[in-house]
Amino acid sequence: MSRISVRGFAVASATAVTTVGAVVGVATGNAAQATSDDNFEATAADSTLLADIPVGAQAQVQVASLAEQADVQAAAADATARKDAEEAARLKAAEDAEAKKKAADEKAEREKKEREEREAREKAEAERASRDAVRDASSFAAQGSYSVSEVKAIARQMVPASQFQCFSNIVNHESTWNYRAQNPSSGAYGLVQALPGSKMSSAGADWQTNPATQIKWGLNYMNDRYGSPCGAWSFWQANRWY
């Protein structure tokens, strides 16, 4: 008979023993099977054999061994459950974080769009108010001649303040504020060098001699074609004409 200690029996039962019959089989002498299992302990002089235990106590040993096996299995199940719970919590936290980030990004984008739309409305309203505040060409009394400073003064009263510098840049390059400037090769005429100059008659019959009429026509042209004098100036810088 193989000498199997009570502790050895418990260890073996935790991994291999599933029924009382199997326990009895180990105890009754299958030596080849017992010694081939790595979970069985080697025989020792002071080992206590299952056969040495009183018959009345053997059932208790077997029950204790099965209880130990159940405890090991329960502990393993608890560990797995904890691991699964931790992984589920981690995934949930990641999902919540992603949802919060998405919501924050959407809110920021929505606020940005609303801010841009509000600024565009305010700018458009300011442009309208500025245009309404400027004087029309007909409000200036005609003179026989005008100095550069007088022409610029008229332009400042006709062109919206936010657009005046762009308008001035174009006029500086086109005519240096000479309302009688004429290009000998192309025939372009006036402050904004309309080509042909007669186009400016749509703003007034005195287009050849009245800078206010030329400014009116030039401003309308820039607004209609480029959206504003600054739009015209941007085009002019890229192409050297407008």
C-alpha atoms as a PDB file:
ATOM      1  CA  MET A   1       0.000   0.000   0.000  1.00  0.00           C
ATOM      2  CA  SER A   2       1.309   3.455  -0.841  1.00  0.00           C
ATOM      3  CA  ARG A   3       1.881   5.639   2.162  1.00  0.00           C
ATOM      4  CA  ILE A   4      -0.076   8.797   1.535  1.00  0.00           C
ATOM      5  CA  SER A   5      -0.201  11.414   4.276  1.00  0.00           C
ATOM      6  CA  VAL A   6      -3.429  13.066   5.256  1.00  0.00           C
ATOM      7  CA  ARG A   7      -2.010  16.415   4.022  1.00  0.00           C
ATOM      8  CA  GLY A   8      -1.000  14.764   0.778  1.00  0.00           C
ATOM      9  CA  PHE A   9      -4.441  13.427   0.389  1.00  0.00           C
ATOM     10  CA  ALA A  10      -5.874  16.920   0.881  1.00  0.00           C
ATOM     11  CA  VAL A  11      -3.572  18.407  -1.738  1.00  0.00           C
ATOM     12  CA  ALA A  12      -4.414  15.708  -4.214  1.00  0.00           C
ATOM     13  CA  SER A  13      -8.084  16.015  -3.598  1.00  0.00           C
ATOM     14  CA  ALA A  14      -7.969  19.784  -4.303  1.00  0.00           C
ATOM     15  CA  THR A  15      -6.977  19.113  -7.883  1.00  0.00           C
ATOM     16  CA  ALA A  16      -8.043  15.607  -8.720  1.00  0.00           C
ATOM     17  CA  VAL A  17     -10.514  14.090  -6.250  1.00  0.00           C
ATOM     18  CA  THR A  18     -14.143  14.755  -7.074  1.00  0.00           C
ATOM     19  CA  THR A  19     -16.027  11.927  -5.416  1.00  0.00           C
ATOM     20  CA  VAL A  20     -15.773   9.897  -2.282  1.00  0.00           C
ATOM     21  CA  GLY A  21     -15.220   6.825  -4.440  1.00  0.00           C
ATOM     22  CA  ALA A  22     -12.112   8.381  -5.893  1.00  0.00           C
ATOM     23  CA  VAL A  23     -10.845   9.094  -2.392  1.00  0.00           C
ATOM     24  CA  VAL A  24     -11.371   5.513  -1.384  1.00  0.00           C
ATOM     25  CA  GLY A  25      -9.630   4.350  -4.555  1.00  0.00           C
ATOM     26  CA  VAL A  26      -6.522   6.349  -3.650  1.00  0.00           C
ATOM     27  CA  ALA A  27      -6.555   5.006  -0.145  1.00  0.00           C
ATOM     28  CA  THR A  28      -7.006   1.360  -1.086  1.00  0.00           C
ATOM     29  CA  GLY A  29      -3.846   0.877  -2.993  1.00  0.00           C
ATOM     30  CA  ASN A  30      -3.561   1.978  -6.653  1.00  0.00           C
ATOM     31  CA  ALA A  31       0.157   2.557  -6.200  1.00  0.00           C
ATOM     32  CA  ALA A  32       0.985   3.335  -9.839  1.00  0.00           C
ATOM     33  CA  GLN A  33      -1.649   6.049 -10.088  1.00  0.00           C
ATOM     34  CA  ALA A  34      -0.801   7.554  -6.707  1.00  0.00           C
ATOM     35  CA  THR A  35       2.927   7.808  -7.335  1.00  0.00           C
ATOM     36  CA  SER A  36       2.509   9.169 -10.881  1.00  0.00           C
ATOM     37  CA  ASP A  37       0.512  12.214  -9.794  1.00  0.00           C
ATOM     38  CA  ASP A  38       2.784  15.235  -9.115  1.00  0.00           C
ATOM     39  CA  ASN A  39       0.322  16.507  -6.537  1.00  0.00           C
ATOM     40  CA  PHE A  40       0.877  13.512  -4.199  1.00  0.00           C
ATOM     41  CA  GLU A  41       3.590  13.819  -1.579  1.00  0.00           C
ATOM     42  CA  ALA A  42       6.352  11.243  -1.226  1.00  0.00           C
ATOM     43  CA  THR A  43       6.174   8.698   1.544  1.00  0.00           C
ATOM     44  CA  ALA A  44       7.773   9.797   4.823  1.00  0.00           C
ATOM     45  CA  ALA A  45       8.485   7.908   7.957  1.00  0.00           C
ATOM     46  CA  ASP A  46       6.173  10.033  10.033  1.00  0.00           C
ATOM     47  CA  SER A  47       3.319  10.122   7.485  1.00  0.00           C
ATOM     48  CA  THR A  48      -0.112   9.258   8.623  1.00  0.00           C
ATOM     49  CA  LEU A  49      -1.891   6.864   6.312  1.00  0.00           C
ATOM     50  CA  LEU A  50      -5.551   7.176   5.585  1.00  0.00           C
ATOM     51  CA  ALA A  51      -5.690   3.492   6.459  1.00  0.00           C
ATOM     52  CA  ASP A  52      -4.136   4.297   9.832  1.00  0.00           C
ATOM     53  CA  ILE A  53      -6.950   6.661  10.687  1.00  0.00           C
ATOM     54  CA  PRO A  54      -9.847   5.069  12.452  1.00  0.00           C
ATOM     55  CA  VAL A  55     -12.653   4.174  10.144  1.00  0.00           C
ATOM     56  CA  GLY A  56     -14.989   6.523  11.927  1.00  0.00           C
ATOM     57  CA  ALA A  57     -12.681   9.473  11.268  1.00  0.00           C
ATOM     58  CA  GLN A  58     -11.934   8.722   7.620  1.00  0.00           C
ATOM     59  CA  ALA A  59     -15.201  10.257   6.451  1.00  0.00           C
ATOM     60  CA  GLN A  60     -14.292  13.460   8.308  1.00  0.00           C
ATOM     61  CA  VAL A  61     -10.918  13.557   6.548  1.00  0.00           C
ATOM     62  CA  GLN A  62     -12.592  13.056   3.197  1.00  0.00           C
ATOM     63  CA  VAL A  63     -15.152  15.782   3.902  1.00  0.00           C
ATOM     64  CA  ALA A  64     -12.408  18.155   5.044  1.00  0.00           C
ATOM     65  CA  SER A  65     -10.505  17.512   1.843  1.00  0.00           C
ATOM     66  CA  LEU A  66     -13.521  18.174  -0.313  1.00  0.00           C
ATOM     67  CA  ALA A  67     -14.276  21.312   1.698  1.00  0.00           C
ATOM     68  CA  GLU A  68     -10.728  22.526   1.063  1.00  0.00           C
ATOM     69  CA  GLN A  69     -11.221  21.886  -2.644  1.00  0.00           C
ATOM     70  CA  ALA A  70     -14.465  23.846  -2.551  1.00  0.00           C
ATOM     71  CA  ASP A  71     -12.719  26.699  -0.733  1.00  0.00           C
ATOM     72  CA  VAL A  72      -9.971  26.813  -3.376  1.00  0.00           C
ATOM     73  CA  GLN A  73     -12.550  26.834  -6.159  1.00  0.00           C
ATOM     74  CA  ALA A  74     -14.590  29.514  -4.405  1.00  0.00           C
ATOM     75  CA  ALA A  75     -11.482  31.666  -3.925  1.00  0.00           C
ATOM     76  CA  ALA A  76     -10.631  31.271  -7.602  1.00  0.00           C
ATOM     77  CA  ALA A  77     -14.191  32.189  -8.547  1.00  0.00           C
ATOM     78  CA  ASP A  78     -14.055  35.261  -6.281  1.00  0.00           C
ATOM     79  CA  ALA A  79     -10.750  36.350  -7.830  1.00  0.00           C
ATOM     80  CA  THR A  80     -12.187  35.958 -11.322  1.00  0.00           C
ATOM     81  CA  ALA A  81     -15.307  37.872 -10.351  1.00  0.00           C
ATOM     82  CA  ARG A  82     -13.220  40.689  -8.867  1.00  0.00           C
ATOM     83  CA  LYS A  83     -11.063  40.815 -11.977  1.00  0.00           C
ATOM     84  CA  ASP A  84     -14.138  40.902 -14.214  1.00  0.00           C
ATOM     85  CA  ALA A  85     -15.695  43.638 -12.056  1.00  0.00           C
ATOM     86  CA  GLU A  86     -12.497  45.695 -12.158  1.00  0.00           C
ATOM     87  CA  GLU A  87     -12.257  45.344 -15.938  1.00  0.00           C
ATOM     88  CA  ALA A  88     -15.915  46.285 -16.336  1.00  0.00           C
ATOM     89  CA  ALA A  89     -15.374  49.329 -14.103  1.00  0.00           C
ATOM     90  CA  ARG A  90     -12.301  50.314 -16.117  1.00  0.00           C
ATOM     91  CA  LEU A  91     -14.187  50.043 -19.407  1.00  0.00           C
ATOM     92  CA  LYS A  92     -17.120  52.004 -17.978  1.00  0.00           C
ATOM     93  CA  ALA A  93     -14.789  54.742 -16.731  1.00  0.00           C
ATOM     94  CA  ALA A  94     -13.124  54.915 -20.159  1.00  0.00           C
ATOM     95  CA  GLU A  95     -16.513  55.135 -21.879  1.00  0.00           C
ATOM     96  CA  ASP A  96     -17.648  57.871 -19.479  1.00  0.00           C
ATOM     97  CA  ALA A  97     -14.432  59.830 -20.042  1.00  0.00           C
ATOM     98  CA  GLU A  98     -14.799  59.536 -23.826  1.00  0.00           C
ATOM     99  CA  ALA A  99     -18.439  60.619 -23.629  1.00  0.00           C
ATOM    100  CA  LYS A 100     -17.522  63.640 -21.482  1.00  0.00           C
ATOM    101  CA  LYS A 101     -14.713  64.602 -23.869  1.00  0.00           C
ATOM    102  CA  LYS A 102     -17.028  64.305 -26.864  1.00  0.00           C
ATOM    103  CA  ALA A 103     -19.669  66.410 -25.136  1.00  0.00           C
ATOM    104  CA  ALA A 104     -17.073  69.043 -24.180  1.00  0.00           C
ATOM    105  CA  ASP A 105     -15.711  69.142 -27.739  1.00  0.00           C
ATOM    106  CA  GLU A 106     -19.196  69.503 -29.193  1.00  0.00           C
ATOM    107  CA  LYS A 107     -20.016  72.274 -26.715  1.00  0.00           C
ATOM    108  CA  ALA A 108     -16.779  74.116 -27.534  1.00  0.00           C
ATOM    109  CA  GLU A 109     -17.432  73.800 -31.273  1.00  0.00           C
ATOM    110  CA  ARG A 110     -21.022  74.980 -30.839  1.00  0.00           C
ATOM    111  CA  GLU A 111     -19.918  77.959 -28.754  1.00  0.00           C
ATOM    112  CA  LYS A 112     -17.199  78.802 -31.280  1.00  0.00           C
ATOM    113  CA  LYS A 113     -19.711  78.725 -34.130  1.00  0.00           C
ATOM    114  CA  GLU A 114     -22.167  80.864 -32.186  1.00  0.00           C
ATOM    115  CA  ARG A 115     -19.406  83.349 -31.339  1.00  0.00           C
ATOM    116  CA  GLU A 116     -18.287  83.581 -34.970  1.00  0.00           C
ATOM    117  CA  GLU A 117     -21.865  84.086 -36.139  1.00  0.00           C
ATOM    118  CA  ARG A 118     -22.412  86.772 -33.496  1.00  0.00           C
ATOM    119  CA  GLU A 119     -19.196  88.557 -34.463  1.00  0.00           C
ATOM    120  CA  ALA A 120     -20.151  88.387 -38.135  1.00  0.00           C
ATOM    121  CA  ARG A 121     -23.567  89.905 -37.365  1.00  0.00           C
ATOM    122  CA  GLU A 122     -22.004  92.631 -35.257  1.00  0.00           C
ATOM    123  CA  LYS A 123     -19.477  93.399 -37.971  1.00  0.00           C
ATOM    124  CA  ALA A 124     -22.189  93.560 -40.634  1.00  0.00           C
ATOM    125  CA  GLU A 125     -24.297  95.824 -38.443  1.00  0.00           C
ATOM    126  CA  ALA A 126     -21.290  98.064 -37.802  1.00  0.00           C
ATOM    127  CA  GLU A 127     -20.621  98.237 -41.536  1.00  0.00           C
ATOM    128  CA  ARG A 128     -24.228  99.163 -42.242  1.00  0.00           C
ATOM    129  CA  ALA A 129     -24.195 101.774 -39.509  1.00  0.00           C
ATOM    130  CA  SER A 130     -20.930 103.180 -40.815  1.00  0.00           C
ATOM    131  CA  ARG A 131     -22.286 103.389 -44.361  1.00  0.00           C
ATOM    132  CA  ASP A 132     -25.458 105.037 -43.176  1.00  0.00           C
ATOM    133  CA  ALA A 133     -23.382 107.624 -41.344  1.00  0.00           C
ATOM    134  CA  VAL A 134     -21.297 108.671 -44.380  1.00  0.00           C
ATOM    135  CA  ARG A 135     -22.231 111.564 -46.596  1.00  0.00           C
ATOM    136  CA  ASP A 136     -23.391 111.182 -50.169  1.00  0.00           C
ATOM    137  CA  ALA A 137     -21.529 112.888 -53.024  1.00  0.00           C
ATOM    138  CA  SER A 138     -24.459 115.210 -53.651  1.00  0.00           C
ATOM    139  CA  SER A 139     -24.054 116.723 -50.186  1.00  0.00           C
ATOM    140  CA  PHE A 140     -20.754 118.376 -51.177  1.00  0.00           C
ATOM    141  CA  ALA A 141     -20.884 121.715 -52.976  1.00  0.00           C
ATOM    142  CA  ALA A 142     -18.999 121.675 -56.267  1.00  0.00           C
ATOM    143  CA  GLN A 143     -15.743 123.617 -56.472  1.00  0.00           C
ATOM    144  CA  GLY A 144     -13.619 124.752 -59.355  1.00  0.00           C
ATOM    145  CA  SER A 145     -10.637 122.815 -58.073  1.00  0.00           C
ATOM    146  CA  TYR A 146      -9.591 120.677 -55.105  1.00  0.00           C
ATOM    147  CA  SER A 147      -6.348 120.162 -53.254  1.00  0.00           C
ATOM    148  CA  VAL A 148      -5.191 116.684 -52.239  1.00  0.00           C
ATOM    149  CA  SER A 149      -6.068 117.420 -48.611  1.00  0.00           C
ATOM    150  CA  GLU A 150      -9.577 118.518 -49.625  1.00  0.00           C
ATOM    151  CA  VAL A 151     -10.097 115.386 -51.695  1.00  0.00           C
ATOM    152  CA  LYS A 152      -8.957 113.210 -48.791  1.00  0.00           C
ATOM    153  CA  ALA A 153     -11.288 115.087 -46.433  1.00  0.00           C
ATOM    154  CA  ILE A 154     -14.227 114.354 -48.733  1.00  0.00           C
ATOM    155  CA  ALA A 155     -13.228 110.685 -48.953  1.00  0.00           C
ATOM    156  CA  ARG A 156     -13.069 110.388 -45.162  1.00  0.00           C
ATOM    157  CA  GLN A 157     -16.665 111.580 -44.981  1.00  0.00           C
ATOM    158  CA  MET A 158     -17.870 109.227 -47.714  1.00  0.00           C
ATOM    159  CA  VAL A 159     -15.933 106.026 -47.032  1.00  0.00           C
ATOM    160  CA  PRO A 160     -16.689 103.995 -43.848  1.00  0.00           C
ATOM    161  CA  ALA A 161     -13.957 104.520 -41.260  1.00  0.00           C
ATOM    162  CA  SER A 162     -13.109 100.807 -41.131  1.00  0.00           C
ATOM    163  CA  GLN A 163     -12.545 100.800 -44.907  1.00  0.00           C
ATOM    164  CA  PHE A 164     -10.874 104.153 -45.426  1.00  0.00           C
ATOM    165  CA  GLN A 165      -7.259 102.968 -45.153  1.00  0.00           C
ATOM    166  CA  CYS A 166      -7.807 100.269 -47.782  1.00  0.00           C
ATOM    167  CA  PHE A 167      -9.550 102.765 -50.049  1.00  0.00           C
ATOM    168  CA  SER A 168      -6.708 105.233 -49.515  1.00  0.00           C
ATOM    169  CA  ASN A 169      -4.080 102.583 -50.314  1.00  0.00           C
ATOM    170  CA  ILE A 170      -5.671 101.899 -53.693  1.00  0.00           C
ATOM    171  CA  VAL A 171      -6.064 105.590 -54.562  1.00  0.00           C
ATOM    172  CA  ASN A 172      -2.454 106.255 -53.549  1.00  0.00           C
ATOM    173  CA  HIS A 173      -1.240 103.605 -55.974  1.00  0.00           C
ATOM    174  CA  GLU A 174      -3.673 104.458 -58.776  1.00  0.00           C
ATOM    175  CA  SER A 175      -3.573 108.272 -58.851  1.00  0.00           C
ATOM    176  CA  THR A 176      -1.788 109.644 -55.767  1.00  0.00           C
ATOM    177  CA  TRP A 177      -5.111 111.405 -54.977  1.00  0.00           C
ATOM    178  CA  ASN A 178      -5.139 113.356 -58.243  1.00  0.00           C
ATOM    179  CA  TYR A 179      -8.787 113.467 -59.325  1.00  0.00           C
ATOM    180  CA  ARG A 180      -7.721 114.569 -62.824  1.00  0.00           C
ATOM    181  CA  ALA A 181      -5.112 111.837 -63.300  1.00  0.00           C
ATOM    182  CA  GLN A 182      -5.276 110.179 -66.724  1.00  0.00           C
ATOM    183  CA  ASN A 183      -3.316 107.198 -68.025  1.00  0.00           C
ATOM    184  CA  PRO A 184      -2.080 108.188 -71.496  1.00  0.00           C
ATOM    185  CA  SER A 185      -1.855 104.636 -72.769  1.00  0.00           C
ATOM    186  CA  SER A 186      -5.057 103.089 -71.408  1.00  0.00           C
ATOM    187  CA  GLY A 187      -7.261 106.138 -70.916  1.00  0.00           C
ATOM    188  CA  ALA A 188      -8.032 105.233 -67.275  1.00  0.00           C
ATOM    189  CA  TYR A 189      -9.157 108.342 -65.427  1.00  0.00           C
ATOM    190  CA  GLY A 190      -9.586 109.883 -62.008  1.00  0.00           C
ATOM    191  CA  LEU A 191      -8.835 108.951 -58.415  1.00  0.00           C
ATOM    192  CA  VAL A 192      -9.611 105.253 -58.873  1.00  0.00           C
ATOM    193  CA  GLN A 193      -8.514 105.115 -62.540  1.00  0.00           C
ATOM    194  CA  ALA A 194     -11.809 103.926 -63.957  1.00  0.00           C
ATOM    195  CA  LEU A 195     -11.389 102.355 -67.390  1.00  0.00           C
ATOM    196  CA  PRO A 196     -12.804 103.930 -69.367  1.00  0.00           C
ATOM    197  CA  GLY A 197     -13.324 107.049 -67.257  1.00  0.00           C
ATOM    198  CA  SER A 198     -16.800 107.521 -68.663  1.00  0.00           C
ATOM    199  CA  LYS A 199     -17.980 104.606 -66.523  1.00  0.00           C
ATOM    200  CA  MET A 200     -18.129 107.064 -63.647  1.00  0.00           C
ATOM    201  CA  SER A 201     -20.976 108.918 -65.339  1.00  0.00           C
ATOM    202  CA  SER A 202     -23.306 106.465 -63.608  1.00  0.00           C
ATOM    203  CA  ALA A 203     -22.445 108.283 -60.368  1.00  0.00           C
ATOM    204  CA  GLY A 204     -22.811 111.777 -61.782  1.00  0.00           C
ATOM    205  CA  ALA A 205     -22.415 113.842 -64.916  1.00  0.00           C
ATOM    206  CA  ASP A 206     -19.581 115.809 -63.322  1.00  0.00           C
ATOM    207  CA  TRP A 207     -17.355 112.739 -62.983  1.00  0.00           C
ATOM    208  CA  GLN A 208     -14.406 114.490 -64.689  1.00  0.00           C
ATOM    209  CA  THR A 209     -14.230 117.430 -62.300  1.00  0.00           C
ATOM    210  CA  ASN A 210     -15.859 116.364 -59.041  1.00  0.00           C
ATOM    211  CA  PRO A 211     -13.794 114.082 -56.739  1.00  0.00           C
ATOM    212  CA  ALA A 212     -16.899 113.319 -54.675  1.00  0.00           C
ATOM    213  CA  THR A 213     -18.522 111.766 -57.767  1.00  0.00           C
ATOM    214  CA  GLN A 214     -15.390 109.724 -58.439  1.00  0.00           C
ATOM    215  CA  ILE A 215     -15.225 108.554 -54.822  1.00  0.00           C
ATOM    216  CA  LYS A 216     -18.882 107.547 -54.949  1.00  0.00           C
ATOM    217  CA  TRP A 217     -18.352 105.514 -58.105  1.00  0.00           C
ATOM    218  CA  GLY A 218     -15.112 103.928 -56.851  1.00  0.00           C
ATOM    219  CA  LEU A 219     -16.659 102.945 -53.525  1.00  0.00           C
ATOM    220  CA  ASN A 220     -19.663 101.346 -55.226  1.00  0.00           C
ATOM    221  CA  TYR A 221     -17.355  99.476 -57.604  1.00  0.00           C
ATOM    222  CA  MET A 222     -15.234  98.079 -54.787  1.00  0.00           C
ATOM    223  CA  ASN A 223     -18.279  97.039 -52.768  1.00  0.00           C
ATOM    224  CA  ASP A 224     -20.014  95.402 -55.719  1.00  0.00           C
ATOM    225  CA  ARG A 225     -16.985  93.546 -57.082  1.00  0.00           C
ATOM    226  CA  TYR A 226     -14.944  92.732 -53.962  1.00  0.00           C
ATOM    227  CA  GLY A 227     -17.350  93.200 -51.093  1.00  0.00           C
ATOM    228  CA  SER A 228     -15.517  96.199 -49.678  1.00  0.00           C
ATOM    229  CA  PRO A 229     -12.514  98.453 -50.273  1.00  0.00           C
ATOM    230  CA  CYS A 230     -10.431  96.112 -48.102  1.00  0.00           C
ATOM    231  CA  GLY A 231     -11.472  93.203 -50.305  1.00  0.00           C
ATOM    232  CA  ALA A 232     -10.403  95.236 -53.325  1.00  0.00           C
ATOM    233  CA  TRP A 233      -7.095  96.115 -51.648  1.00  0.00           C
ATOM    234  CA  SER A 234      -6.355  92.450 -50.927  1.00  0.00           C
ATOM    235  CA  PHE A 235      -6.948  91.657 -54.590  1.00  0.00           C
ATOM    236  CA  TRP A 236      -4.836  94.607 -55.666  1.00  0.00           C
ATOM    237  CA  GLN A 237      -1.886  93.444 -53.544  1.00  0.00           C
ATOM    238  CA  ALA A 238      -2.010  90.007 -55.149  1.00  0.00           C
ATOM    239  CA  ASN A 239      -2.471  91.202 -58.735  1.00  0.00           C
ATOM    240  CA  ARG A 240      -1.314  94.839 -58.850  1.00  0.00           C
ATOM    241  CA  TRP A 241      -4.676  95.813 -60.303  1.00  0.00           C
ATOM    242  CA  TYR A 242      -8.301  95.554 -59.227  1.00  0.00           C
END
